[in-house]
All heavy atoms as atom14 arrays in JSON, in Angstrom:
{
  "sequence": "DKRNYKIVHEGDMVYNSMRMWQGANGISPCNGIVSPAYTVLMP",
  "atom14_mask": [
    [1, 1, 1, 1, 1, 1, 1, 1, 0, 0, 0, 0, 0, 0],
    [1, 1, 1, 1, 1, 1, 1, 1, 1, 0, 0, 0, 0, 0],
    [1, 1, 1, 1, 1, 1, 1, 1, 1, 1, 1, 0, 0, 0],
    [1, 1, 1, 1, 1, 1, 1, 1, 0, 0, 0, 0, 0, 0],
    [1, 1, 1, 1, 1, 1, 1, 1, 1, 1, 1, 1, 0, 0],
    [1, 1, 1, 1, 1, 1, 1, 1, 1, 0, 0, 0, 0, 0],
    [1, 1, 1, 1, 1, 1, 1, 1, 0, 0, 0, 0, 0, 0],
    [1, 1, 1, 1, 1, 1, 1, 0, 0, 0, 0, 0, 0, 0],
    [1, 1, 1, 1, 1, 1, 1, 1, 1, 1, 0, 0, 0, 0],
    [1, 1, 1, 1, 1, 1, 1, 1, 1, 0, 0, 0, 0, 0],
    [1, 1, 1, 1, 0, 0, 0, 0, 0, 0, 0, 0, 0, 0],
    [1, 1, 1, 1, 1, 1, 1, 1, 0, 0, 0, 0, 0, 0],
    [1, 1, 1, 1, 1, 1, 1, 1, 0, 0, 0, 0, 0, 0],
    [1, 1, 1, 1, 1, 1, 1, 0, 0, 0, 0, 0, 0, 0],
    [1, 1, 1, 1, 1, 1, 1, 1, 1, 1, 1, 1, 0, 0],
    [1, 1, 1, 1, 1, 1, 1, 1, 0, 0, 0, 0, 0, 0],
    [1, 1, 1, 1, 1, 1, 0, 0, 0, 0, 0, 0, 0, 0],
    [1, 1, 1, 1, 1, 1, 1, 1, 0, 0, 0, 0, 0, 0],
    [1, 1, 1, 1, 1, 1, 1, 1, 1, 1, 1, 0, 0, 0],
    [1, 1, 1, 1, 1, 1, 1, 1, 0, 0, 0, 0, 0, 0],
    [1, 1, 1, 1, 1, 1, 1, 1, 1, 1, 1, 1, 1, 1],
    [1, 1, 1, 1, 1, 1, 1, 1, 1, 0, 0, 0, 0, 0],
    [1, 1, 1, 1, 0, 0, 0, 0, 0, 0, 0, 0, 0, 0],
    [1, 1, 1, 1, 1, 0, 0, 0, 0, 0, 0, 0, 0, 0],
    [1, 1, 1, 1, 1, 1, 1, 1, 0, 0, 0, 0, 0, 0],
    [1, 1, 1, 1, 0, 0, 0, 0, 0, 0, 0, 0, 0, 0],
    [1, 1, 1, 1, 1, 1, 1, 1, 0, 0, 0, 0, 0, 0],
    [1, 1, 1, 1, 1, 1, 0, 0, 0, 0, 0, 0, 0, 0],
    [1, 1, 1, 1, 1, 1, 1, 0, 0, 0, 0, 0, 0, 0],
    [1, 1, 1, 1, 1, 1, 0, 0, 0, 0, 0, 0, 0, 0],
    [1, 1, 1, 1, 1, 1, 1, 1, 0, 0, 0, 0, 0, 0],
    [1, 1, 1, 1, 0, 0, 0, 0, 0, 0, 0, 0, 0, 0],
    [1, 1, 1, 1, 1, 1, 1, 1, 0, 0, 0, 0, 0, 0],
    [1, 1, 1, 1, 1, 1, 1, 0, 0, 0, 0, 0, 0, 0],
    [1, 1, 1, 1, 1, 1, 0, 0, 0, 0, 0, 0, 0, 0],
    [1, 1, 1, 1, 1, 1, 1, 0, 0, 0, 0, 0, 0, 0],
    [1, 1, 1, 1, 1, 0, 0, 0, 0, 0, 0, 0, 0, 0],
    [1, 1, 1, 1, 1, 1, 1, 1, 1, 1, 1, 1, 0, 0],
    [1, 1, 1, 1, 1, 1, 1, 0, 0, 0, 0, 0, 0, 0],
    [1, 1, 1, 1, 1, 1, 1, 0, 0, 0, 0, 0, 0, 0],
    [1, 1, 1, 1, 1, 1, 1, 1, 0, 0, 0, 0, 0, 0],
    [1, 1, 1, 1, 1, 1, 1, 1, 0, 0, 0, 0, 0, 0],
    [1, 1, 1, 1, 1, 1, 1, 0, 0, 0, 0, 0, 0, 0]
  ],
  "atom14_positions": [
    [[-20.3, -14.94, -79.55], [-20.75, -15.6, -78.32], [-19.54, -16.25, -77.64], [-18.99, -17.24, -78.11], [-21.8, -16.66, -78.65], [-22.37, -17.31, -77.37], [-21.96, -16.9, -76.26], [-23.22, -18.22, -77.5], [0.0, 0.0, 0.0], [0.0, 0.0, 0.0], [0.0, 0.0, 0.0], [0.0, 0.0, 0.0], [0.0, 0.0, 0.0], [0.0, 0.0, 0.0]],
    [[-19.13, -15.68, -76.51], [-17.9, -16.14, -75.85], [-18.18, -16.73, -74.46], [-17.28, -16.83, -73.64], [-16.92, -14.97, -75.74], [-16.52, -14.37, -77.09], [-15.47, -13.31, -76.96], [-16.03, -11.99, -76.49], [-16.85, -11.31, -77.48], [0.0, 0.0, 0.0], [0.0, 0.0, 0.0], [0.0, 0.0, 0.0], [0.0, 0.0, 0.0], [0.0, 0.0, 0.0]],
    [[-19.42, -17.11, -74.2], [-19.77, -17.63, -72.87], [-19.05, -18.92, -72.54], [-18.83, -19.23, -71.36], [-21.29, -17.82, -72.79], [-22.08, -16.51, -72.71], [-23.57, -16.78, -72.79], [-23.95, -17.34, -74.07], [-25.19, -17.69, -74.4], [-26.18, -17.56, -73.51], [-25.47, -18.18, -75.6], [0.0, 0.0, 0.0], [0.0, 0.0, 0.0], [0.0, 0.0, 0.0]],
    [[-18.7, -19.71, -73.57], [-18.05, -21.0, -73.33], [-16.53, -20.92, -73.46], [-15.85, -21.93, -73.42], [-18.61, -22.06, -74.31], [-18.29, -23.48, -73.87], [-18.34, -23.78, -72.67], [-17.97, -24.34, -74.81], [0.0, 0.0, 0.0], [0.0, 0.0, 0.0], [0.0, 0.0, 0.0], [0.0, 0.0, 0.0], [0.0, 0.0, 0.0], [0.0, 0.0, 0.0]],
    [[-16.02, -19.72, -73.64], [-14.58, -19.55, -73.83], [-13.85, -19.76, -72.5], [-14.38, -19.51, -71.43], [-14.26, -18.18, -74.4], [-14.46, -18.1, -75.91], [-15.46, -18.84, -76.54], [-13.66, -17.29, -76.68], [-15.65, -18.77, -77.9], [-13.84, -17.2, -78.06], [-14.83, -17.95, -78.66], [-15.02, -17.88, -80.01], [0.0, 0.0, 0.0], [0.0, 0.0, 0.0]],
    [[-12.59, -20.22, -72.6], [-11.79, -20.54, -71.41], [-11.07, -19.31, -70.88], [-10.53, -18.51, -71.65], [-10.78, -21.64, -71.73], [-11.42, -22.97, -72.15], [-10.36, -23.99, -72.48], [-10.98, -25.33, -72.89], [-9.96, -26.33, -73.26], [0.0, 0.0, 0.0], [0.0, 0.0, 0.0], [0.0, 0.0, 0.0], [0.0, 0.0, 0.0], [0.0, 0.0, 0.0]],
    [[-11.01, -19.19, -69.56], [-10.33, -18.07, -68.92], [-8.82, -18.34, -68.88], [-8.37, -19.46, -68.62], [-10.86, -17.85, -67.5], [-12.33, -17.4, -67.56], [-10.02, -16.83, -66.74], [-12.98, -17.27, -66.19], [0.0, 0.0, 0.0], [0.0, 0.0, 0.0], [0.0, 0.0, 0.0], [0.0, 0.0, 0.0], [0.0, 0.0, 0.0], [0.0, 0.0, 0.0]],
    [[-8.04, -17.29, -69.18], [-6.58, -17.36, -69.15], [-6.07, -16.31, -68.17], [-6.52, -15.16, -68.2], [-5.98, -17.09, -70.55], [-4.45, -17.09, -70.49], [-6.48, -18.12, -71.56], [0.0, 0.0, 0.0], [0.0, 0.0, 0.0], [0.0, 0.0, 0.0], [0.0, 0.0, 0.0], [0.0, 0.0, 0.0], [0.0, 0.0, 0.0], [0.0, 0.0, 0.0]],
    [[-5.14, -16.7, -67.3], [-4.48, -15.75, -66.41], [-3.08, -15.44, -66.94], [-2.47, -16.26, -67.64], [-4.38, -16.31, -65.0], [-5.69, -16.39, -64.29], [-5.81, -16.83, -62.99], [-6.95, -16.07, -64.69], [-7.08, -16.79, -62.62], [-7.79, -16.34, -63.64], [0.0, 0.0, 0.0], [0.0, 0.0, 0.0], [0.0, 0.0, 0.0], [0.0, 0.0, 0.0]],
    [[-2.6, -14.26, -66.63], [-1.24, -13.91, -67.0], [-0.26, -14.97, -66.49], [-0.31, -15.37, -65.34], [-0.88, -12.54, -66.41], [0.53, -12.09, -66.73], [0.86, -10.75, -66.1], [-0.08, -10.07, -65.63], [2.05, -10.4, -66.07], [0.0, 0.0, 0.0], [0.0, 0.0, 0.0], [0.0, 0.0, 0.0], [0.0, 0.0, 0.0], [0.0, 0.0, 0.0]],
    [[0.62, -15.45, -67.36], [1.58, -16.49, -66.99], [1.13, -17.9, -67.32], [1.91, -18.85, -67.19], [0.0, 0.0, 0.0], [0.0, 0.0, 0.0], [0.0, 0.0, 0.0], [0.0, 0.0, 0.0], [0.0, 0.0, 0.0], [0.0, 0.0, 0.0], [0.0, 0.0, 0.0], [0.0, 0.0, 0.0], [0.0, 0.0, 0.0], [0.0, 0.0, 0.0]],
    [[-0.13, -18.08, -67.74], [-0.59, -19.41, -68.15], [0.04, -19.81, -69.48], [0.3, -18.97, -70.35], [-2.12, -19.42, -68.31], [-2.85, -19.47, -66.97], [-2.18, -19.65, -65.94], [-4.09, -19.31, -66.97], [0.0, 0.0, 0.0], [0.0, 0.0, 0.0], [0.0, 0.0, 0.0], [0.0, 0.0, 0.0], [0.0, 0.0, 0.0], [0.0, 0.0, 0.0]],
    [[0.27, -21.11, -69.65], [0.68, -21.65, -70.94], [-0.58, -22.0, -71.73], [-1.46, -22.7, -71.23], [1.52, -22.92, -70.73], [1.81, -23.7, -72.01], [2.88, -22.84, -73.17], [4.46, -22.92, -72.28], [0.0, 0.0, 0.0], [0.0, 0.0, 0.0], [0.0, 0.0, 0.0], [0.0, 0.0, 0.0], [0.0, 0.0, 0.0], [0.0, 0.0, 0.0]],
    [[-0.69, -21.46, -72.93], [-1.86, -21.71, -73.78], [-1.38, -22.34, -75.08], [-0.39, -21.9, -75.67], [-2.61, -20.39, -74.09], [-3.92, -20.69, -74.83], [-2.88, -19.61, -72.81], [0.0, 0.0, 0.0], [0.0, 0.0, 0.0], [0.0, 0.0, 0.0], [0.0, 0.0, 0.0], [0.0, 0.0, 0.0], [0.0, 0.0, 0.0], [0.0, 0.0, 0.0]],
    [[-2.09, -23.38, -75.53], [-1.67, -23.98, -76.81], [-2.89, -24.41, -77.63], [-3.97, -24.69, -77.1], [-0.72, -25.16, -76.58], [-1.3, -26.4, -75.94], [-1.91, -27.4, -76.7], [-1.18, -26.62, -74.56], [-2.39, -28.56, -76.12], [-1.66, -27.78, -73.97], [-2.27, -28.75, -74.76], [-2.76, -29.9, -74.19], [0.0, 0.0, 0.0], [0.0, 0.0, 0.0]],
    [[-2.66, -24.45, -78.93], [-3.66, -24.92, -79.88], [-3.6, -26.44, -79.89], [-2.6, -27.01, -80.33], [-3.37, -24.35, -81.27], [-4.45, -24.7, -82.29], [-5.07, -25.75, -82.2], [-4.66, -23.82, -83.26], [0.0, 0.0, 0.0], [0.0, 0.0, 0.0], [0.0, 0.0, 0.0], [0.0, 0.0, 0.0], [0.0, 0.0, 0.0], [0.0, 0.0, 0.0]],
    [[-4.64, -27.09, -79.43], [-4.63, -28.54, -79.27], [-4.36, -29.28, -80.58], [-3.79, -30.36, -80.58], [-5.97, -29.02, -78.68], [-6.21, -28.38, -77.44], [0.0, 0.0, 0.0], [0.0, 0.0, 0.0], [0.0, 0.0, 0.0], [0.0, 0.0, 0.0], [0.0, 0.0, 0.0], [0.0, 0.0, 0.0], [0.0, 0.0, 0.0], [0.0, 0.0, 0.0]],
    [[-4.77, -28.67, -81.71], [-4.6, -29.33, -83.01], [-3.33, -28.91, -83.72], [-3.02, -29.45, -84.79], [-5.82, -29.06, -83.9], [-7.12, -29.6, -83.35], [-8.49, -29.47, -84.51], [-8.0, -30.63, -85.78], [0.0, 0.0, 0.0], [0.0, 0.0, 0.0], [0.0, 0.0, 0.0], [0.0, 0.0, 0.0], [0.0, 0.0, 0.0], [0.0, 0.0, 0.0]],
    [[-2.59, -27.97, -83.15], [-1.36, -27.49, -83.79], [-0.18, -27.5, -82.83], [0.84, -26.89, -83.1], [-1.57, -26.1, -84.37], [-2.51, -26.04, -85.58], [-1.83, -26.65, -86.8], [-2.72, -26.68, -87.96], [-3.44, -27.73, -88.33], [-3.39, -28.84, -87.6], [-4.2, -27.69, -89.39], [0.0, 0.0, 0.0], [0.0, 0.0, 0.0], [0.0, 0.0, 0.0]],
    [[-0.33, -28.19, -81.7], [0.76, -28.23, -80.73], [2.0, -28.87, -81.33], [3.13, -28.5, -81.02], [0.3, -28.99, -79.48], [1.28, -28.93, -78.32], [1.64, -27.25, -77.79], [2.14, -27.53, -76.09], [0.0, 0.0, 0.0], [0.0, 0.0, 0.0], [0.0, 0.0, 0.0], [0.0, 0.0, 0.0], [0.0, 0.0, 0.0], [0.0, 0.0, 0.0]],
    [[1.82, -29.86, -82.21], [2.95, -30.55, -82.82], [3.7, -29.66, -83.81], [4.78, -30.02, -84.28], [2.46, -31.82, -83.53], [1.44, -31.59, -84.6], [0.09, -31.45, -84.43], [1.68, -31.46, -86.01], [-0.53, -31.25, -85.64], [0.43, -31.25, -86.62], [2.82, -31.5, -86.8], [0.29, -31.09, -87.99], [2.68, -31.34, -88.17], [1.44, -31.13, -88.75]],
    [[3.16, -28.47, -84.09], [3.85, -27.5, -84.92], [4.42, -26.35, -84.1], [4.99, -25.41, -84.64], [2.89, -26.93, -85.99], [2.44, -27.97, -87.01], [1.43, -27.4, -87.99], [0.53, -26.65, -87.62], [1.58, -27.76, -89.25], [0.0, 0.0, 0.0], [0.0, 0.0, 0.0], [0.0, 0.0, 0.0], [0.0, 0.0, 0.0], [0.0, 0.0, 0.0]],
    [[4.27, -26.42, -82.78], [4.81, -25.38, -81.91], [3.86, -24.23, -81.66], [4.3, -23.13, -81.29], [0.0, 0.0, 0.0], [0.0, 0.0, 0.0], [0.0, 0.0, 0.0], [0.0, 0.0, 0.0], [0.0, 0.0, 0.0], [0.0, 0.0, 0.0], [0.0, 0.0, 0.0], [0.0, 0.0, 0.0], [0.0, 0.0, 0.0], [0.0, 0.0, 0.0]],
    [[2.55, -24.45, -81.83], [1.57, -23.38, -81.62], [1.24, -23.27, -80.14], [0.24, -23.81, -79.66], [0.3, -23.64, -82.43], [0.0, 0.0, 0.0], [0.0, 0.0, 0.0], [0.0, 0.0, 0.0], [0.0, 0.0, 0.0], [0.0, 0.0, 0.0], [0.0, 0.0, 0.0], [0.0, 0.0, 0.0], [0.0, 0.0, 0.0], [0.0, 0.0, 0.0]],
    [[2.11, -22.59, -79.38], [1.89, -22.42, -77.95], [2.59, -21.15, -77.48], [3.39, -20.56, -78.21], [2.41, -23.64, -77.19], [3.9, -23.87, -77.41], [4.74, -23.09, -76.97], [4.23, -24.96, -78.11], [0.0, 0.0, 0.0], [0.0, 0.0, 0.0], [0.0, 0.0, 0.0], [0.0, 0.0, 0.0], [0.0, 0.0, 0.0], [0.0, 0.0, 0.0]],
    [[2.29, -20.72, -76.27], [2.94, -19.55, -75.73], [2.46, -19.22, -74.33], [1.42, -19.72, -73.88], [0.0, 0.0, 0.0], [0.0, 0.0, 0.0], [0.0, 0.0, 0.0], [0.0, 0.0, 0.0], [0.0, 0.0, 0.0], [0.0, 0.0, 0.0], [0.0, 0.0, 0.0], [0.0, 0.0, 0.0], [0.0, 0.0, 0.0], [0.0, 0.0, 0.0]],
    [[3.25, -18.4, -73.63], [2.88, -17.91, -72.31], [2.06, -16.63, -72.48], [2.47, -15.72, -73.19], [4.13, -17.61, -71.46], [4.97, -18.89, -71.29], [3.73, -17.03, -70.12], [4.34, -19.95, -70.44], [0.0, 0.0, 0.0], [0.0, 0.0, 0.0], [0.0, 0.0, 0.0], [0.0, 0.0, 0.0], [0.0, 0.0, 0.0], [0.0, 0.0, 0.0]],
    [[0.91, -16.58, -71.83], [0.06, -15.41, -71.97], [0.63, -14.21, -71.2], [0.94, -14.33, -70.01], [-1.36, -15.7, -71.47], [-2.17, -14.55, -71.61], [0.0, 0.0, 0.0], [0.0, 0.0, 0.0], [0.0, 0.0, 0.0], [0.0, 0.0, 0.0], [0.0, 0.0, 0.0], [0.0, 0.0, 0.0], [0.0, 0.0, 0.0], [0.0, 0.0, 0.0]],
    [[0.76, -13.06, -71.86], [1.27, -11.87, -71.16], [0.2, -11.12, -70.39], [0.49, -10.12, -69.73], [1.8, -11.02, -72.33], [0.88, -11.35, -73.47], [0.52, -12.81, -73.29], [0.0, 0.0, 0.0], [0.0, 0.0, 0.0], [0.0, 0.0, 0.0], [0.0, 0.0, 0.0], [0.0, 0.0, 0.0], [0.0, 0.0, 0.0], [0.0, 0.0, 0.0]],
    [[-1.06, -11.58, -70.47], [-2.15, -10.85, -69.83], [-3.31, -11.79, -69.53], [-3.33, -12.94, -69.97], [-2.63, -9.71, -70.74], [-3.2, -10.27, -72.37], [0.0, 0.0, 0.0], [0.0, 0.0, 0.0], [0.0, 0.0, 0.0], [0.0, 0.0, 0.0], [0.0, 0.0, 0.0], [0.0, 0.0, 0.0], [0.0, 0.0, 0.0], [0.0, 0.0, 0.0]],
    [[-4.29, -11.3, -68.78], [-5.52, -12.05, -68.55], [-6.41, -11.95, -69.77], [-6.38, -10.97, -70.52], [-6.27, -11.49, -67.34], [-5.48, -11.63, -66.05], [-4.66, -12.53, -65.92], [-5.74, -10.77, -65.08], [0.0, 0.0, 0.0], [0.0, 0.0, 0.0], [0.0, 0.0, 0.0], [0.0, 0.0, 0.0], [0.0, 0.0, 0.0], [0.0, 0.0, 0.0]],
    [[-7.24, -12.98, -69.99], [-8.15, -12.94, -71.13], [-8.92, -14.24, -71.25], [-8.99, -15.04, -70.3], [0.0, 0.0, 0.0], [0.0, 0.0, 0.0], [0.0, 0.0, 0.0], [0.0, 0.0, 0.0], [0.0, 0.0, 0.0], [0.0, 0.0, 0.0], [0.0, 0.0, 0.0], [0.0, 0.0, 0.0], [0.0, 0.0, 0.0], [0.0, 0.0, 0.0]],
    [[-9.46, -14.47, -72.43], [-10.19, -15.7, -72.72], [-9.76, -16.22, -74.09], [-9.32, -15.45, -74.95], [-11.73, -15.5, -72.69], [-12.13, -14.33, -73.62], [-12.23, -15.28, -71.28], [-13.63, -14.14, -73.74], [0.0, 0.0, 0.0], [0.0, 0.0, 0.0], [0.0, 0.0, 0.0], [0.0, 0.0, 0.0], [0.0, 0.0, 0.0], [0.0, 0.0, 0.0]],
    [[-9.88, -17.54, -74.27], [-9.53, -18.16, -75.55], [-10.63, -19.12, -75.97], [-11.43, -19.56, -75.16], [-8.19, -18.92, -75.46], [-7.02, -17.97, -75.28], [-8.22, -19.97, -74.36], [0.0, 0.0, 0.0], [0.0, 0.0, 0.0], [0.0, 0.0, 0.0], [0.0, 0.0, 0.0], [0.0, 0.0, 0.0], [0.0, 0.0, 0.0], [0.0, 0.0, 0.0]],
    [[-10.61, -19.46, -77.24], [-11.57, -20.4, -77.79], [-11.48, -21.75, -77.08], [-10.41, -22.14, -76.61], [-11.29, -20.59, -79.29], [-11.9, -21.75, -79.79], [0.0, 0.0, 0.0], [0.0, 0.0, 0.0], [0.0, 0.0, 0.0], [0.0, 0.0, 0.0], [0.0, 0.0, 0.0], [0.0, 0.0, 0.0], [0.0, 0.0, 0.0], [0.0, 0.0, 0.0]],
    [[-12.6, -22.5, -77.01], [-12.57, -23.84, -76.4], [-11.62, -24.79, -77.11], [-11.27, -25.85, -76.56], [-14.02, -24.31, -76.55], [-14.83, -23.07, -76.64], [-13.97, -22.08, -77.38], [0.0, 0.0, 0.0], [0.0, 0.0, 0.0], [0.0, 0.0, 0.0], [0.0, 0.0, 0.0], [0.0, 0.0, 0.0], [0.0, 0.0, 0.0], [0.0, 0.0, 0.0]],
    [[-11.19, -24.44, -78.34], [-10.25, -25.3, -79.07], [-8.86, -25.28, -78.45], [-8.03, -26.14, -78.73], [-10.17, -24.87, -80.53], [0.0, 0.0, 0.0], [0.0, 0.0, 0.0], [0.0, 0.0, 0.0], [0.0, 0.0, 0.0], [0.0, 0.0, 0.0], [0.0, 0.0, 0.0], [0.0, 0.0, 0.0], [0.0, 0.0, 0.0], [0.0, 0.0, 0.0]],
    [[-8.58, -24.28, -77.6], [-7.27, -24.18, -76.96], [-7.28, -24.91, -75.62], [-8.32, -25.1, -74.99], [-6.9, -22.71, -76.71], [-6.68, -21.9, -77.97], [-7.46, -20.77, -78.24], [-5.69, -22.24, -78.88], [-7.25, -20.02, -79.38], [-5.48, -21.5, -80.02], [-6.26, -20.38, -80.27], [-6.05, -19.65, -81.39], [0.0, 0.0, 0.0], [0.0, 0.0, 0.0]],
    [[-6.08, -25.29, -75.18], [-5.88, -25.85, -73.85], [-5.1, -24.85, -73.02], [-4.12, -24.28, -73.49], [-5.11, -27.18, -73.91], [-5.88, -28.13, -74.66], [-4.87, -27.73, -72.52], [0.0, 0.0, 0.0], [0.0, 0.0, 0.0], [0.0, 0.0, 0.0], [0.0, 0.0, 0.0], [0.0, 0.0, 0.0], [0.0, 0.0, 0.0], [0.0, 0.0, 0.0]],
    [[-5.55, -24.61, -71.79], [-4.91, -23.65, -70.9], [-4.27, -24.4, -69.74], [-4.92, -25.2, -69.07], [-5.94, -22.62, -70.37], [-5.24, -21.58, -69.48], [-6.67, -21.94, -71.52], [0.0, 0.0, 0.0], [0.0, 0.0, 0.0], [0.0, 0.0, 0.0], [0.0, 0.0, 0.0], [0.0, 0.0, 0.0], [0.0, 0.0, 0.0], [0.0, 0.0, 0.0]],
    [[-2.98, -24.14, -69.5], [-2.24, -24.78, -68.43], [-1.81, -23.74, -67.41], [-1.26, -22.69, -67.77], [-0.99, -25.5, -68.97], [-1.21, -26.54, -70.09], [0.13, -27.1, -70.53], [-2.14, -27.65, -69.61], [0.0, 0.0, 0.0], [0.0, 0.0, 0.0], [0.0, 0.0, 0.0], [0.0, 0.0, 0.0], [0.0, 0.0, 0.0], [0.0, 0.0, 0.0]],
    [[-2.05, -24.01, -66.12], [-1.63, -23.08, -65.07], [-0.53, -23.73, -64.23], [-0.58, -24.93, -63.94], [-2.81, -22.69, -64.19], [-3.54, -23.85, -63.52], [-4.94, -23.27, -62.53], [-5.58, -24.82, -61.91], [0.0, 0.0, 0.0], [0.0, 0.0, 0.0], [0.0, 0.0, 0.0], [0.0, 0.0, 0.0], [0.0, 0.0, 0.0], [0.0, 0.0, 0.0]],
    [[0.5, -22.96, -63.87], [1.62, -23.54, -63.11], [1.17, -24.07, -61.75], [0.38, -23.43, -61.05], [2.57, -22.36, -62.96], [2.18, -21.38, -64.01], [0.71, -21.54, -64.19], [0.0, 0.0, 0.0], [0.0, 0.0, 0.0], [0.0, 0.0, 0.0], [0.0, 0.0, 0.0], [0.0, 0.0, 0.0], [0.0, 0.0, 0.0], [0.0, 0.0, 0.0]]
  ]
}
């Protein structure tokens, strides 16, 4: 069930909110969706 998942656009910064302090982040190379546990940043 992915109805509550967050939309990601190519070029967005996406990070794991609970693992950001370990460097769990990256720029998305494509459009897609991620779990609500992630935070999505758009330029």
